[in-house]
């Protein structure tokens, strides 16, 4: 299942696999990917060459998505909430 909605200049997409493996990717920009930064075991922030965050991937989501230390957390939370994807407290 894919979910799309406008958020800033990008699109929020949720790709749902089986119940044990849910992945959520939020695209913040269409700039080319240069490198990624792993935040904890299940979160990856993608960056453009100039250091601008262009996307955030949440791996192995079960129950809710954690947004601590994530760039553009307010925009991402709003997009996920519109699609009933829970945000961890």
PDB file of N, CA and C in Angstrom:
ATOM      1  N   UNK A   1       0.854  -1.168   0.000  1.00  0.00           N
ATOM      2  CA  UNK A   1       0.000   0.000   0.000  1.00  0.00           C
ATOM      3  C   UNK A   1       0.896   1.227   0.000  1.00  0.00           C
ATOM      4  N   UNK A   2       0.611   2.209  -0.796  1.00  0.00           N
ATOM      5  CA  UNK A   2       1.374   3.457  -0.814  1.00  0.00           C
ATOM      6  C   UNK A   2       0.454   4.603  -0.447  1.00  0.00           C
ATOM      7  N   UNK A   3       0.955   5.515   0.352  1.00  0.00           N
ATOM      8  CA  UNK A   3       0.194   6.681   0.778  1.00  0.00           C
ATOM      9  C   UNK A   3       0.971   7.908   0.334  1.00  0.00           C
ATOM     10  N   UNK A   4       0.294   8.881  -0.263  1.00  0.00           N
ATOM     11  CA  UNK A   4       0.970  10.096  -0.675  1.00  0.00           C
ATOM     12  C   UNK A   4       0.204  11.308  -0.190  1.00  0.00           C
ATOM     13  N   UNK A   5       0.937  12.332   0.213  1.00  0.00           N
ATOM     14  CA  UNK A   5       0.332  13.611   0.548  1.00  0.00           C
ATOM     15  C   UNK A   5       1.398  14.681   0.424  1.00  0.00           C
ATOM     16  N   UNK A   6       0.989  15.903   0.165  1.00  0.00           N
ATOM     17  CA  UNK A   6       1.939  17.003   0.045  1.00  0.00           C
ATOM     18  C   UNK A   6       2.485  17.386   1.413  1.00  0.00           C
ATOM     19  N   UNK A   7       3.786  17.599   1.501  1.00  0.00           N
ATOM     20  CA  UNK A   7       4.382  18.139   2.728  1.00  0.00           C
ATOM     21  C   UNK A   7       5.562  18.996   2.304  1.00  0.00           C
ATOM     22  N   UNK A   8       5.448  20.261   2.490  1.00  0.00           N
ATOM     23  CA  UNK A   8       6.492  21.174   2.036  1.00  0.00           C
ATOM     24  C   UNK A   8       6.673  21.025   0.547  1.00  0.00           C
ATOM     25  N   UNK A   9       7.906  20.836   0.095  1.00  0.00           N
ATOM     26  CA  UNK A   9       8.170  20.676  -1.326  1.00  0.00           C
ATOM     27  C   UNK A   9       8.167  19.213  -1.732  1.00  0.00           C
ATOM     28  N   UNK A  10       7.920  18.308  -0.779  1.00  0.00           N
ATOM     29  CA  UNK A  10       8.016  16.893  -1.084  1.00  0.00           C
ATOM     30  C   UNK A  10       6.722  16.155  -0.895  1.00  0.00           C
ATOM     31  N   UNK A  11       6.834  14.864  -0.830  1.00  0.00           N
ATOM     32  CA  UNK A  11       5.685  13.979  -0.700  1.00  0.00           C
ATOM     33  C   UNK A  11       5.971  12.996   0.417  1.00  0.00           C
ATOM     34  N   UNK A  12       4.977  12.723   1.248  1.00  0.00           N
ATOM     35  CA  UNK A  12       5.119  11.694   2.278  1.00  0.00           C
ATOM     36  C   UNK A  12       4.596  10.394   1.701  1.00  0.00           C
ATOM     37  N   UNK A  13       5.367   9.342   1.802  1.00  0.00           N
ATOM     38  CA  UNK A  13       4.946   8.042   1.285  1.00  0.00           C
ATOM     39  C   UNK A  13       5.114   7.015   2.382  1.00  0.00           C
ATOM     40  N   UNK A  14       4.140   6.184   2.547  1.00  0.00           N
ATOM     41  CA  UNK A  14       4.279   5.061   3.475  1.00  0.00           C
ATOM     42  C   UNK A  14       4.160   3.791   2.664  1.00  0.00           C
ATOM     43  N   UNK A  15       5.135   2.932   2.755  1.00  0.00           N
ATOM     44  CA  UNK A  15       5.087   1.643   2.090  1.00  0.00           C
ATOM     45  C   UNK A  15       4.930   0.593   3.166  1.00  0.00           C
ATOM     46  N   UNK A  16       3.846  -0.133   3.113  1.00  0.00           N
ATOM     47  CA  UNK A  16       3.528  -1.102   4.148  1.00  0.00           C
ATOM     48  C   UNK A  16       3.831  -2.497   3.621  1.00  0.00           C
ATOM     49  N   UNK A  17       4.717  -3.202   4.321  1.00  0.00           N
ATOM     50  CA  UNK A  17       5.006  -4.589   3.994  1.00  0.00           C
ATOM     51  C   UNK A  17       4.146  -5.478   4.863  1.00  0.00           C
ATOM     52  N   UNK A  18       4.679  -6.624   5.276  1.00  0.00           N
ATOM     53  CA  UNK A  18       3.908  -7.457   6.192  1.00  0.00           C
ATOM     54  C   UNK A  18       3.917  -6.807   7.574  1.00  0.00           C
ATOM     55  N   UNK A  19       3.135  -7.311   8.478  1.00  0.00           N
ATOM     56  CA  UNK A  19       2.951  -6.683   9.793  1.00  0.00           C
ATOM     57  C   UNK A  19       4.260  -6.542  10.563  1.00  0.00           C
ATOM     58  N   UNK A  20       5.226  -7.428  10.313  1.00  0.00           N
ATOM     59  CA  UNK A  20       6.489  -7.376  11.048  1.00  0.00           C
ATOM     60  C   UNK A  20       7.485  -6.398  10.431  1.00  0.00           C
ATOM     61  N   UNK A  21       7.222  -5.931   9.227  1.00  0.00           N
ATOM     62  CA  UNK A  21       8.195  -5.093   8.531  1.00  0.00           C
ATOM     63  C   UNK A  21       7.521  -3.920   7.842  1.00  0.00           C
ATOM     64  N   UNK A  22       7.212  -2.896   8.598  1.00  0.00           N
ATOM     65  CA  UNK A  22       6.594  -1.704   8.035  1.00  0.00           C
ATOM     66  C   UNK A  22       7.680  -0.653   7.856  1.00  0.00           C
ATOM     67  N   UNK A  23       7.736  -0.061   6.677  1.00  0.00           N
ATOM     68  CA  UNK A  23       8.690   1.001   6.390  1.00  0.00           C
ATOM     69  C   UNK A  23       7.932   2.256   6.000  1.00  0.00           C
ATOM     70  N   UNK A  24       8.389   3.390   6.492  1.00  0.00           N
ATOM     71  CA  UNK A  24       7.783   4.670   6.151  1.00  0.00           C
ATOM     72  C   UNK A  24       8.895   5.576   5.650  1.00  0.00           C
ATOM     73  N   UNK A  25       8.695   6.188   4.487  1.00  0.00           N
ATOM     74  CA  UNK A  25       9.669   7.140   3.947  1.00  0.00           C
ATOM     75  C   UNK A  25       8.970   8.467   3.704  1.00  0.00           C
ATOM     76  N   UNK A  26       9.557   9.538   4.205  1.00  0.00           N
ATOM     77  CA  UNK A  26       9.018  10.875   3.990  1.00  0.00           C
ATOM     78  C   UNK A  26      10.034  11.654   3.167  1.00  0.00           C
ATOM     79  N   UNK A  27       9.627  12.040   1.965  1.00  0.00           N
ATOM     80  CA  UNK A  27      10.490  12.794   1.062  1.00  0.00           C
ATOM     81  C   UNK A  27      10.308  14.282   1.339  1.00  0.00           C
ATOM     82  N   UNK A  28      11.404  14.974   1.613  1.00  0.00           N
ATOM     83  CA  UNK A  28      11.366  16.399   1.915  1.00  0.00           C
ATOM     84  C   UNK A  28      11.764  17.257   0.728  1.00  0.00           C
ATOM     85  N   UNK A  29      12.508  16.690  -0.197  1.00  0.00           N
ATOM     86  CA  UNK A  29      13.011  17.434  -1.342  1.00  0.00           C
ATOM     87  C   UNK A  29      13.300  16.458  -2.471  1.00  0.00           C
ATOM     88  N   UNK A  30      13.324  16.978  -3.693  1.00  0.00           N
ATOM     89  CA  UNK A  30      13.684  16.145  -4.840  1.00  0.00           C
ATOM     90  C   UNK A  30      15.152  16.293  -5.208  1.00  0.00           C
ATOM     91  N   UNK A  31      15.939  16.948  -4.359  1.00  0.00           N
ATOM     92  CA  UNK A  31      17.376  17.089  -4.608  1.00  0.00           C
ATOM     93  C   UNK A  31      18.020  15.703  -4.650  1.00  0.00           C
ATOM     94  N   UNK A  32      19.109  15.559  -5.403  1.00  0.00           N
ATOM     95  CA  UNK A  32      19.773  14.261  -5.490  1.00  0.00           C
ATOM     96  C   UNK A  32      20.361  13.814  -4.150  1.00  0.00           C
ATOM     97  N   UNK A  33      20.297  12.518  -3.913  1.00  0.00           N
ATOM     98  CA  UNK A  33      20.862  11.898  -2.706  1.00  0.00           C
ATOM     99  C   UNK A  33      22.384  11.957  -2.766  1.00  0.00           C
ATOM    100  N   UNK A  34      23.013  12.356  -1.649  1.00  0.00           N
ATOM    101  CA  UNK A  34      24.472  12.339  -1.558  1.00  0.00           C
ATOM    102  C   UNK A  34      24.954  11.360  -0.497  1.00  0.00           C
ATOM    103  N   UNK A  35      24.288  11.354   0.663  1.00  0.00           N
ATOM    104  CA  UNK A  35      24.702  10.454   1.742  1.00  0.00           C
ATOM    105  C   UNK A  35      23.580  10.320   2.759  1.00  0.00           C
ATOM    106  N   UNK A  36      23.691   9.311   3.610  1.00  0.00           N
ATOM    107  CA  UNK A  36      22.695   9.084   4.649  1.00  0.00           C
ATOM    108  C   UNK A  36      23.332   9.055   6.024  1.00  0.00           C
ATOM    109  N   UNK A  37      22.520   9.358   7.023  1.00  0.00           N
ATOM    110  CA  UNK A  37      22.967   9.308   8.415  1.00  0.00           C
ATOM    111  C   UNK A  37      22.020   8.393   9.178  1.00  0.00           C
ATOM    112  N   UNK A  38      22.568   7.389   9.836  1.00  0.00           N
ATOM    113  CA  UNK A  38      21.761   6.457  10.617  1.00  0.00           C
ATOM    114  C   UNK A  38      21.558   7.041  12.006  1.00  0.00           C
ATOM    115  N   UNK A  39      20.304   7.172  12.403  1.00  0.00           N
ATOM    116  CA  UNK A  39      19.951   7.662  13.739  1.00  0.00           C
ATOM    117  C   UNK A  39      19.314   6.508  14.494  1.00  0.00           C
ATOM    118  N   UNK A  40      20.066   5.855  15.338  1.00  0.00           N
ATOM    119  CA  UNK A  40      19.544   4.694  16.042  1.00  0.00           C
ATOM    120  C   UNK A  40      19.460   3.508  15.104  1.00  0.00           C
ATOM    121  N   UNK A  41      18.765   2.493  15.549  1.00  0.00           N
ATOM    122  CA  UNK A  41      18.710   1.241  14.794  1.00  0.00           C
ATOM    123  C   UNK A  41      17.764   1.284  13.604  1.00  0.00           C
ATOM    124  N   UNK A  42      16.793   2.189  13.602  1.00  0.00           N
ATOM    125  CA  UNK A  42      15.740   2.082  12.589  1.00  0.00           C
ATOM    126  C   UNK A  42      15.344   3.394  11.935  1.00  0.00           C
ATOM    127  N   UNK A  43      16.241   4.374  11.939  1.00  0.00           N
ATOM    128  CA  UNK A  43      15.918   5.645  11.294  1.00  0.00           C
ATOM    129  C   UNK A  43      17.120   6.101  10.481  1.00  0.00           C
ATOM    130  N   UNK A  44      16.862   6.540   9.258  1.00  0.00           N
ATOM    131  CA  UNK A  44      17.920   7.011   8.372  1.00  0.00           C
ATOM    132  C   UNK A  44      17.481   8.340   7.772  1.00  0.00           C
ATOM    133  N   UNK A  45      18.358   9.348   7.852  1.00  0.00           N
ATOM    134  CA  UNK A  45      18.097  10.635   7.222  1.00  0.00           C
ATOM    135  C   UNK A  45      18.962  10.710   5.974  1.00  0.00           C
ATOM    136  N   UNK A  46      18.342  11.010   4.830  1.00  0.00           N
ATOM    137  CA  UNK A  46      19.058  11.179   3.570  1.00  0.00           C
ATOM    138  C   UNK A  46      19.346  12.661   3.368  1.00  0.00           C
ATOM    139  N   UNK A  47      20.542  12.969   2.843  1.00  0.00           N
ATOM    140  CA  UNK A  47      20.973  14.351   2.658  1.00  0.00           C
ATOM    141  C   UNK A  47      21.413  14.600   1.223  1.00  0.00           C
ATOM    142  N   UNK A  48      21.268  15.857   0.785  1.00  0.00           N
ATOM    143  CA  UNK A  48      21.842  16.328  -0.469  1.00  0.00           C
ATOM    144  C   UNK A  48      23.307  16.672  -0.212  1.00  0.00           C
ATOM    145  N   UNK A  49      24.052  16.955  -1.265  1.00  0.00           N
ATOM    146  CA  UNK A  49      25.475  17.263  -1.137  1.00  0.00           C
ATOM    147  C   UNK A  49      25.735  18.483  -0.257  1.00  0.00           C
ATOM    148  N   UNK A  50      24.789  19.429  -0.209  1.00  0.00           N
ATOM    149  CA  UNK A  50      24.984  20.638   0.600  1.00  0.00           C
ATOM    150  C   UNK A  50      24.581  20.454   2.063  1.00  0.00           C
ATOM    151  N   UNK A  51      24.203  19.230   2.455  1.00  0.00           N
ATOM    152  CA  UNK A  51      23.835  18.948   3.838  1.00  0.00           C
ATOM    153  C   UNK A  51      22.371  19.143   4.164  1.00  0.00           C
ATOM    154  N   UNK A  52      21.564  19.480   3.172  1.00  0.00           N
ATOM    155  CA  UNK A  52      20.128  19.652   3.371  1.00  0.00           C
ATOM    156  C   UNK A  52      19.454  18.290   3.469  1.00  0.00           C
ATOM    157  N   UNK A  53      18.610  18.051   4.491  1.00  0.00           N
ATOM    158  CA  UNK A  53      17.887  16.778   4.557  1.00  0.00           C
ATOM    159  C   UNK A  53      16.885  16.674   3.404  1.00  0.00           C
ATOM    160  N   UNK A  54      16.893  15.544   2.715  1.00  0.00           N
ATOM    161  CA  UNK A  54      15.975  15.363   1.585  1.00  0.00           C
ATOM    162  C   UNK A  54      14.953  14.260   1.838  1.00  0.00           C
ATOM    163  N   UNK A  55      15.147  13.469   2.882  1.00  0.00           N
ATOM    164  CA  UNK A  55      14.190  12.414   3.188  1.00  0.00           C
ATOM    165  C   UNK A  55      14.541  11.711   4.480  1.00  0.00           C
ATOM    166  N   UNK A  56      13.530  11.089   5.062  1.00  0.00           N
ATOM    167  CA  UNK A  56      13.721  10.334   6.298  1.00  0.00           C
ATOM    168  C   UNK A  56      13.033   8.986   6.138  1.00  0.00           C
ATOM    169  N   UNK A  57      13.756   7.918   6.454  1.00  0.00           N
ATOM    170  CA  UNK A  57      13.206   6.569   6.373  1.00  0.00           C
ATOM    171  C   UNK A  57      13.116   5.986   7.777  1.00  0.00           C
ATOM    172  N   UNK A  58      11.967   5.422   8.074  1.00  0.00           N
ATOM    173  CA  UNK A  58      11.725   4.752   9.351  1.00  0.00           C
ATOM    174  C   UNK A  58      11.557   3.273   9.043  1.00  0.00           C
ATOM    175  N   UNK A  59      12.409   2.434   9.619  1.00  0.00           N
ATOM    176  CA  UNK A  59      12.413   1.001   9.329  1.00  0.00           C
ATOM    177  C   UNK A  59      11.821   0.221  10.486  1.00  0.00           C
ATOM    178  N   UNK A  60      11.154  -0.873  10.173  1.00  0.00           N
ATOM    179  CA  UNK A  60      10.626  -1.753  11.202  1.00  0.00           C
ATOM    180  C   UNK A  60       9.642  -1.077  12.132  1.00  0.00           C
ATOM    181  N   UNK A  61       8.814  -0.215  11.581  1.00  0.00           N
ATOM    182  CA  UNK A  61       7.833   0.506  12.399  1.00  0.00           C
ATOM    183  C   UNK A  61       6.790  -0.478  12.902  1.00  0.00           C
ATOM    184  N   UNK A  62       6.577  -0.470  14.204  1.00  0.00           N
ATOM    185  CA  UNK A  62       5.507  -1.291  14.778  1.00  0.00           C
ATOM    186  C   UNK A  62       4.805  -0.448  15.826  1.00  0.00           C
ATOM    187  N   UNK A  63       3.624  -0.042  15.539  1.00  0.00           N
ATOM    188  CA  UNK A  63       2.849   0.757  16.480  1.00  0.00           C
ATOM    189  C   UNK A  63       2.927   2.242  16.228  1.00  0.00           C
ATOM    190  N   UNK A  64       4.154   2.823  16.247  1.00  0.00           N
ATOM    191  CA  UNK A  64       4.259   4.266  16.063  1.00  0.00           C
ATOM    192  C   UNK A  64       5.624   4.630  15.480  1.00  0.00           C
ATOM    193  N   UNK A  65       5.721   5.868  14.976  1.00  0.00           N
ATOM    194  CA  UNK A  65       6.947   6.391  14.389  1.00  0.00           C
ATOM    195  C   UNK A  65       7.561   7.387  15.369  1.00  0.00           C
ATOM    196  N   UNK A  66       8.835   7.202  15.707  1.00  0.00           N
ATOM    197  CA  UNK A  66       9.540   8.111  16.611  1.00  0.00           C
ATOM    198  C   UNK A  66      10.185   9.256  15.850  1.00  0.00           C
ATOM    199  N   UNK A  67       9.963  10.488  16.303  1.00  0.00           N
ATOM    200  CA  UNK A  67      10.470  11.661  15.595  1.00  0.00           C
ATOM    201  C   UNK A  67      11.546  12.437  16.353  1.00  0.00           C
ATOM    202  N   UNK A  68      12.034  11.919  17.478  1.00  0.00           N
ATOM    203  CA  UNK A  68      13.063  12.658  18.209  1.00  0.00           C
ATOM    204  C   UNK A  68      14.333  12.757  17.360  1.00  0.00           C
ATOM    205  N   UNK A  69      14.935  13.943  17.342  1.00  0.00           N
ATOM    206  CA  UNK A  69      16.167  14.222  16.589  1.00  0.00           C
ATOM    207  C   UNK A  69      16.008  14.112  15.076  1.00  0.00           C
ATOM    208  N   UNK A  70      14.795  14.219  14.570  1.00  0.00           N
ATOM    209  CA  UNK A  70      14.546  14.113  13.133  1.00  0.00           C
ATOM    210  C   UNK A  70      14.336  15.515  12.557  1.00  0.00           C
ATOM    211  N   UNK A  71      15.028  15.863  11.447  1.00  0.00           N
ATOM    212  CA  UNK A  71      14.801  17.168  10.824  1.00  0.00           C
ATOM    213  C   UNK A  71      13.360  17.299  10.326  1.00  0.00           C
ATOM    214  N   UNK A  72      12.794  18.484  10.422  1.00  0.00           N
ATOM    215  CA  UNK A  72      11.437  18.783   9.949  1.00  0.00           C
ATOM    216  C   UNK A  72      10.390  17.908  10.634  1.00  0.00           C
ATOM    217  N   UNK A  73      10.591  17.610  11.905  1.00  0.00           N
ATOM    218  CA  UNK A  73       9.696  16.706  12.640  1.00  0.00           C
ATOM    219  C   UNK A  73       8.248  17.181  12.634  1.00  0.00           C
ATOM    220  N   UNK A  74       8.008  18.488  12.731  1.00  0.00           N
ATOM    221  CA  UNK A  74       6.630  18.994  12.741  1.00  0.00           C
ATOM    222  C   UNK A  74       5.913  18.691  11.429  1.00  0.00           C
ATOM    223  N   UNK A  75       6.585  18.931  10.305  1.00  0.00           N
ATOM    224  CA  UNK A  75       5.986  18.651   8.997  1.00  0.00           C
ATOM    225  C   UNK A  75       5.746  17.159   8.818  1.00  0.00           C
ATOM    226  N   UNK A  76       6.708  16.361   9.232  1.00  0.00           N
ATOM    227  CA  UNK A  76       6.584  14.913   9.093  1.00  0.00           C
ATOM    228  C   UNK A  76       5.436  14.402   9.958  1.00  0.00           C
ATOM    229  N   UNK A  77       5.332  14.895  11.184  1.00  0.00           N
ATOM    230  CA  UNK A  77       4.247  14.480  12.085  1.00  0.00           C
ATOM    231  C   UNK A  77       2.889  14.817  11.490  1.00  0.00           C
ATOM    232  N   UNK A  78       2.753  15.995  10.914  1.00  0.00           N
ATOM    233  CA  UNK A  78       1.478  16.393  10.315  1.00  0.00           C
ATOM    234  C   UNK A  78       1.109  15.476   9.153  1.00  0.00           C
ATOM    235  N   UNK A  79       2.082  15.164   8.309  1.00  0.00           N
ATOM    236  CA  UNK A  79       1.818  14.290   7.162  1.00  0.00           C
ATOM    237  C   UNK A  79       1.432  12.887   7.617  1.00  0.00           C
ATOM    238  N   UNK A  80       2.154  12.354   8.593  1.00  0.00           N
ATOM    239  CA  UNK A  80       1.853  11.008   9.080  1.00  0.00           C
ATOM    240  C   UNK A  80       0.490  10.966   9.767  1.00  0.00           C
ATOM    241  N   UNK A  81       0.177  12.000  10.527  1.00  0.00           N
ATOM    242  CA  UNK A  81      -1.117  12.054  11.231  1.00  0.00           C
ATOM    243  C   UNK A  81      -2.288  12.063  10.263  1.00  0.00           C
ATOM    244  N   UNK A  82      -2.127  12.769   9.142  1.00  0.00           N
ATOM    245  CA  UNK A  82      -3.208  12.809   8.140  1.00  0.00           C
ATOM    246  C   UNK A  82      -3.532  11.421   7.603  1.00  0.00           C
ATOM    247  N   UNK A  83      -2.573  10.507   7.723  1.00  0.00           N
ATOM    248  CA  UNK A  83      -2.766   9.148   7.206  1.00  0.00           C
ATOM    249  C   UNK A  83      -2.855   8.120   8.315  1.00  0.00           C
ATOM    250  N   UNK A  84      -3.172   8.604   9.520  1.00  0.00           N
ATOM    251  CA  UNK A  84      -3.388   7.717  10.671  1.00  0.00           C
ATOM    252  C   UNK A  84      -2.191   6.840  10.992  1.00  0.00           C
ATOM    253  N   UNK A  85      -0.990   7.353  10.734  1.00  0.00           N
ATOM    254  CA  UNK A  85       0.226   6.659  11.143  1.00  0.00           C
ATOM    255  C   UNK A  85       0.621   7.267  12.480  1.00  0.00           C
ATOM    256  N   UNK A  86       0.563   6.503  13.572  1.00  0.00           N
ATOM    257  CA  UNK A  86       0.780   7.054  14.913  1.00  0.00           C
ATOM    258  C   UNK A  86       2.201   7.569  15.132  1.00  0.00           C
ATOM    259  N   UNK A  87       2.293   8.643  15.918  1.00  0.00           N
ATOM    260  CA  UNK A  87       3.569   9.231  16.313  1.00  0.00           C
ATOM    261  C   UNK A  87       3.838   8.818  17.761  1.00  0.00           C
ATOM    262  N   UNK A  88       5.059   8.331  18.041  1.00  0.00           N
ATOM    263  CA  UNK A  88       5.420   7.956  19.415  1.00  0.00           C
ATOM    264  C   UNK A  88       5.545   9.208  20.274  1.00  0.00           C
ATOM    265  N   UNK A  89       5.130   9.088  21.526  1.00  0.00           N
ATOM    266  CA  UNK A  89       5.223  10.230  22.465  1.00  0.00           C
ATOM    267  C   UNK A  89       6.640  10.416  22.932  1.00  0.00           C
TER     268      UNK A  89
END
